[in-house]
Amino acid sequence: MPLPSWIRCLICLAFLFSSISREPAFTTQTIDQHCLPFSNEAGLFRCSCSDKKGRKYNLASLANNDGHPRFTVQAKDKYFYSYNPCKSFKLGKFGDCSGGNVAICRWTNTSYENIGHQRTEKCCLQSNGTPSLQYQGKQPWLSIVYLQCDPKRKSIQSAEFSVIEDAKPNPVRFLLKHYCACPNACADKKPTPRHTTAPENSLKKVGVPIFIAAGALLFLGVSCIAVFRLLGRRENRPQEERPLINGQGEQTEETSDGDFFTPPSTLSSV
């Protein structure tokens, strides 16, 4: 007995839909095995990843540098996930996330699990060439953060971090949307010196010679002022009275050699 035409149409449509290959938005099942450590130097506060074409993906601008995570989201299974790229953070007063070296923490009010150590951060390339960040947590945890370029999200507040898949088995998959997830979009962030003052020992080494030199200059200055004042007093002193002749008020005459000449008292007038 032949099938009705409408049933045959439904079977044909079902066959067509099943034969169409749909490529997922993010190729999460195939990851290139060439995973390289991030350019993440703690002292320089850099965080960049390069693809096969040499283009850089820099997340340093999104990193929170005050010890707290930049992103916190809640998944469907009621777990919270906190993430901070490039810089470690601490979360909770107990558990695996309270000791630092944390990139991603899976937590509730009663438990904290470090599912991604910051020091294990690696840059991996997906089959489509887009980088992803991979973090190895406490066994058996493995976390992957996929990057999605979004030129409209240029501010830190507009960055979006979400959970793609957190059901066991591992890995736990996340998605980060931002302008810094675009190739060559964000430049390296230069470090800010942690100490703006010189160490104590350096101050002692430099300070002692300065104090000695300053004391010497002060002594020389005071000495010069005293000498100038002494000379000024001598110049302004009144001229001493010269010797008198026979007690009279007339002054004696000076000789050419500067001595005073006193005529003899027995000289008679001419």
Protein backbone atom coordinates (compact mmCIF):
# COMPACT_ATOMS: atom_id res chain seq x y z
CA MET A 1 0.00 0.00 0.00
CA PRO A 2 1.60 3.23 -1.11
CA LEU A 3 2.25 5.91 1.52
CA PRO A 4 0.35 9.18 1.32
CA SER A 5 2.21 11.99 -0.36
CA TRP A 6 2.41 14.16 2.75
CA ILE A 7 4.09 11.38 4.73
CA ARG A 8 6.65 10.91 1.96
CA CYS A 9 7.34 14.68 2.06
CA LEU A 10 7.95 14.59 5.80
CA ILE A 11 10.38 11.71 5.44
CA CYS A 12 12.27 13.53 2.72
CA LEU A 13 12.51 16.71 4.80
CA ALA A 14 13.75 14.79 7.83
CA PHE A 15 16.42 13.11 5.70
CA LEU A 16 17.55 16.45 4.26
CA PHE A 17 17.86 18.13 7.68
CA SER A 18 19.83 15.22 9.09
CA SER A 19 22.30 15.29 6.18
CA ILE A 20 23.08 19.03 6.51
CA SER A 21 26.36 19.56 8.41
CA ARG A 22 26.06 22.37 10.93
CA GLU A 23 29.24 23.99 12.15
CA PRO A 24 28.98 25.10 15.78
CA ALA A 25 29.59 28.72 16.73
CA PHE A 26 32.75 27.65 18.58
CA THR A 27 34.82 24.63 17.67
CA THR A 28 35.27 23.30 21.18
CA GLN A 29 35.83 19.64 20.40
CA THR A 30 38.98 20.07 18.26
CA ILE A 31 41.92 22.00 19.70
CA ASP A 32 45.34 22.28 18.16
CA GLN A 33 47.90 20.40 20.25
CA HIS A 34 50.41 23.25 19.92
CA CYS A 35 49.59 25.01 23.18
CA LEU A 36 52.15 27.56 24.31
CA PRO A 37 52.50 29.31 27.68
CA PHE A 38 51.12 32.80 27.81
CA SER A 39 53.53 35.73 27.70
CA ASN A 40 52.61 36.35 31.32
CA GLU A 41 55.48 37.79 33.33
CA ALA A 42 54.37 38.68 36.84
CA GLY A 43 56.81 41.56 37.15
CA LEU A 44 55.87 43.13 33.80
CA PHE A 45 52.11 42.56 33.92
CA ARG A 46 51.87 41.40 30.30
CA CYS A 47 49.37 38.95 28.89
CA SER A 48 49.40 38.27 25.16
CA CYS A 49 48.72 35.33 22.85
CA SER A 50 49.62 34.96 19.17
CA ASP A 51 47.95 32.99 16.40
CA LYS A 52 49.58 31.33 13.39
CA LYS A 53 49.59 34.63 11.49
CA GLY A 54 51.48 36.39 14.27
CA ARG A 55 48.50 38.47 15.38
CA LYS A 56 48.35 39.20 19.10
CA TYR A 57 45.41 38.80 21.46
CA ASN A 58 46.12 40.82 24.58
CA LEU A 59 43.92 40.59 27.69
CA ALA A 60 46.07 42.69 30.03
CA SER A 61 43.53 45.53 30.01
CA LEU A 62 40.88 43.19 31.44
CA ALA A 63 43.01 41.92 34.30
CA ASN A 64 42.09 43.06 37.80
CA ASN A 65 45.24 43.92 39.75
CA ASP A 66 43.79 44.32 43.27
CA GLY A 67 43.56 40.64 44.21
CA HIS A 68 39.89 40.26 43.21
CA PRO A 69 38.42 38.50 40.15
CA ARG A 70 37.26 40.59 37.21
CA PHE A 71 34.27 38.38 36.32
CA THR A 72 31.77 36.36 38.36
CA VAL A 73 28.84 34.49 36.79
CA GLN A 74 26.37 31.88 37.95
CA ALA A 75 25.73 28.72 35.94
CA LYS A 76 22.52 26.69 35.67
CA ASP A 77 23.74 24.19 38.25
CA LYS A 78 23.82 26.97 40.88
CA TYR A 79 27.64 27.13 40.96
CA PHE A 80 29.43 30.46 40.69
CA TYR A 81 32.50 30.91 38.51
CA SER A 82 34.98 33.74 39.07
CA TYR A 83 37.66 34.52 36.52
CA ASN A 84 40.54 36.96 36.25
CA PRO A 85 42.83 36.87 33.19
CA CYS A 86 46.57 37.23 33.61
CA LYS A 87 46.62 37.97 37.36
CA SER A 88 45.96 35.63 40.29
CA PHE A 89 43.34 36.39 42.93
CA LYS A 90 42.10 35.02 46.25
CA LEU A 91 38.52 34.07 47.03
CA GLY A 92 37.00 32.79 50.26
CA LYS A 93 38.53 32.26 53.69
CA PHE A 94 38.89 28.51 53.15
CA GLY A 95 39.19 26.06 50.27
CA ASP A 96 41.42 25.87 47.20
CA CYS A 97 40.88 29.48 46.09
CA SER A 98 42.06 31.19 49.28
CA GLY A 99 45.78 30.66 48.70
CA GLY A 100 46.31 32.51 45.43
CA ASN A 101 47.51 31.20 42.04
CA VAL A 102 43.88 31.21 40.89
CA ALA A 103 42.62 32.01 37.40
CA ILE A 104 39.16 30.38 37.65
CA CYS A 105 37.35 29.42 40.86
CA ARG A 106 34.21 27.29 41.06
CA TRP A 107 32.43 28.06 44.30
CA THR A 108 29.33 28.21 46.46
CA ASN A 109 28.87 29.64 49.93
CA THR A 110 30.22 26.41 51.40
CA SER A 111 32.90 25.27 48.90
CA TYR A 112 35.69 26.76 46.79
CA GLU A 113 37.50 24.79 44.08
CA ASN A 114 40.44 26.03 42.03
CA ILE A 115 39.62 24.69 38.57
CA GLY A 116 42.28 26.77 36.78
CA HIS A 117 45.71 27.69 38.15
CA GLN A 118 46.98 31.01 36.87
CA ARG A 119 50.54 29.70 36.41
CA THR A 120 49.35 26.95 34.04
CA GLU A 121 47.82 29.43 31.59
CA LYS A 122 48.40 28.38 27.98
CA CYS A 123 47.45 29.73 24.60
CA CYS A 124 45.90 27.07 22.36
CA LEU A 125 44.70 27.39 18.79
CA GLN A 126 41.36 26.01 17.71
CA SER A 127 40.87 24.32 14.36
CA ASN A 128 39.58 27.61 12.92
CA GLY A 129 42.74 29.45 14.08
CA THR A 130 41.13 31.38 16.92
CA PRO A 131 43.09 31.28 20.20
CA SER A 132 41.66 29.93 23.42
CA LEU A 133 43.05 30.01 26.94
CA GLN A 134 43.59 26.76 28.77
CA TYR A 135 44.04 26.39 32.54
CA GLN A 136 44.88 23.24 34.48
CA GLY A 137 43.26 23.20 37.90
CA LYS A 138 43.36 20.81 40.80
CA GLN A 139 43.01 17.32 39.39
CA PRO A 140 40.98 16.47 37.45
CA TRP A 141 39.84 19.99 36.58
CA LEU A 142 40.61 21.59 33.22
CA SER A 143 39.14 24.94 32.11
CA ILE A 144 39.07 26.52 28.63
CA VAL A 145 38.17 30.14 27.89
CA TYR A 146 37.26 30.78 24.25
CA LEU A 147 37.77 34.26 22.85
CA GLN A 148 35.17 35.98 20.71
CA CYS A 149 35.98 39.28 19.02
CA ASP A 150 33.40 41.99 19.67
CA PRO A 151 34.52 45.46 18.46
CA LYS A 152 31.56 47.14 20.20
CA ARG A 153 32.69 46.04 23.67
CA LYS A 154 35.65 48.36 24.24
CA SER A 155 35.14 49.28 27.89
CA ILE A 156 36.01 46.93 30.73
CA GLN A 157 32.44 47.06 32.00
CA SER A 158 31.08 45.88 28.65
CA ALA A 159 33.15 42.67 28.61
CA GLU A 160 30.99 39.54 28.81
CA PHE A 161 32.08 36.30 30.47
CA SER A 162 29.71 33.34 30.32
CA VAL A 163 29.60 29.59 30.91
CA ILE A 164 29.24 27.36 27.83
CA GLU A 165 29.44 23.98 29.50
CA ASP A 166 30.19 23.00 33.08
CA ALA A 167 28.72 19.48 33.24
CA LYS A 168 31.20 16.75 34.05
CA PRO A 169 33.36 15.28 32.63
CA ASN A 170 35.92 18.01 32.03
CA PRO A 171 36.78 20.40 30.59
CA VAL A 172 34.67 23.30 31.80
CA ARG A 173 34.16 25.73 28.91
CA PHE A 174 33.71 29.49 29.03
CA LEU A 175 33.32 32.32 26.52
CA LEU A 176 34.84 35.80 26.75
CA LYS A 177 33.50 38.53 24.47
CA HIS A 178 35.40 41.80 24.19
CA TYR A 179 37.35 44.10 21.89
CA CYS A 180 40.62 42.75 23.36
CA ALA A 181 39.62 39.32 22.01
CA CYS A 182 40.15 40.76 18.53
CA PRO A 183 43.54 40.37 16.82
CA ASN A 184 45.98 43.25 17.42
CA ALA A 185 43.28 45.21 19.24
CA CYS A 186 44.75 45.92 22.67
CA ALA A 187 48.37 46.81 23.32
CA ASP A 188 50.54 45.68 26.18
CA LYS A 189 49.92 47.44 29.44
CA LYS A 190 53.12 48.85 30.85
CA PRO A 191 53.81 48.09 34.49
CA THR A 192 53.51 50.60 37.30
CA PRO A 193 56.48 50.58 39.68
CA ARG A 194 55.50 48.95 42.95
CA HIS A 195 57.92 51.08 45.01
CA THR A 196 58.23 54.80 44.36
CA THR A 197 60.76 55.38 47.16
CA ALA A 198 64.31 54.12 47.40
CA PRO A 199 65.09 51.27 49.82
CA GLU A 200 66.27 52.15 53.29
CA ASN A 201 69.85 50.98 52.71
CA SER A 202 70.14 53.11 49.57
CA LEU A 203 68.96 56.16 51.49
CA LYS A 204 71.65 55.58 54.10
CA LYS A 205 74.39 55.19 51.50
CA VAL A 206 73.36 58.34 49.65
CA GLY A 207 72.27 60.40 52.65
CA VAL A 208 75.50 60.34 54.70
CA PRO A 209 77.73 61.95 52.01
CA ILE A 210 75.04 64.53 51.31
CA PHE A 211 74.83 65.52 54.97
CA ILE A 212 78.65 65.80 55.21
CA ALA A 213 78.85 67.96 52.08
CA ALA A 214 76.01 70.17 53.27
CA GLY A 215 77.73 70.66 56.64
CA ALA A 216 81.01 71.60 54.96
CA LEU A 217 79.30 74.13 52.70
CA LEU A 218 77.46 75.64 55.67
CA PHE A 219 80.73 75.97 57.62
CA LEU A 220 82.48 77.66 54.67
CA GLY A 221 79.59 80.06 54.22
CA VAL A 222 79.57 81.09 57.88
CA SER A 223 83.35 81.53 57.83
CA CYS A 224 83.24 83.77 54.76
CA ILE A 225 80.54 85.94 56.31
CA ALA A 226 82.58 86.33 59.51
CA VAL A 227 85.72 87.38 57.57
CA PHE A 228 83.84 89.94 55.50
CA ARG A 229 82.28 91.46 58.60
CA LEU A 230 85.69 91.70 60.32
CA LEU A 231 87.23 93.47 57.34
CA GLY A 232 84.32 95.87 57.17
CA ARG A 233 84.73 96.86 60.79
CA ARG A 234 88.43 97.67 60.28
CA GLU A 235 87.71 99.89 57.29
CA ASN A 236 85.04 101.85 59.16
CA ARG A 237 87.14 102.30 62.39
CA PRO A 238 87.86 106.15 63.18
CA GLN A 239 91.39 107.37 62.55
CA GLU A 240 93.45 107.42 65.78
CA GLU A 241 94.53 110.80 67.16
CA ARG A 242 98.07 111.79 66.23
CA PRO A 243 100.71 113.04 68.80
CA LEU A 244 100.59 116.73 69.80
CA ILE A 245 103.54 119.23 69.80
CA ASN A 246 104.26 120.54 73.34
CA GLY A 247 100.77 119.72 74.37
CA GLN A 248 99.35 122.07 71.76
CA GLY A 249 96.48 121.26 69.52
CA GLU A 250 98.55 121.27 66.36
CA GLN A 251 99.42 118.00 64.80
CA THR A 252 102.96 117.03 63.95
CA GLU A 253 104.10 116.71 60.41
CA GLU A 254 104.69 113.34 58.85
CA THR A 255 107.95 112.45 57.26
CA SER A 256 108.22 110.75 53.99
CA ASP A 257 108.79 107.43 55.67
CA GLY A 258 105.65 107.74 57.76
CA ASP A 259 107.35 108.62 61.16
CA PHE A 260 106.40 111.67 63.14
CA PHE A 261 108.99 114.50 63.49
CA THR A 262 109.09 116.58 66.73
CA PRO A 263 111.27 119.76 66.66
CA PRO A 264 113.66 120.17 69.61
CA SER A 265 112.31 122.28 72.44
CA THR A 266 115.50 124.46 72.69
CA LEU A 267 115.17 125.84 69.13
CA SER A 268 114.99 129.68 69.30
CA SER A 269 113.04 131.72 66.91
CA VAL A 270 114.93 133.48 64.16
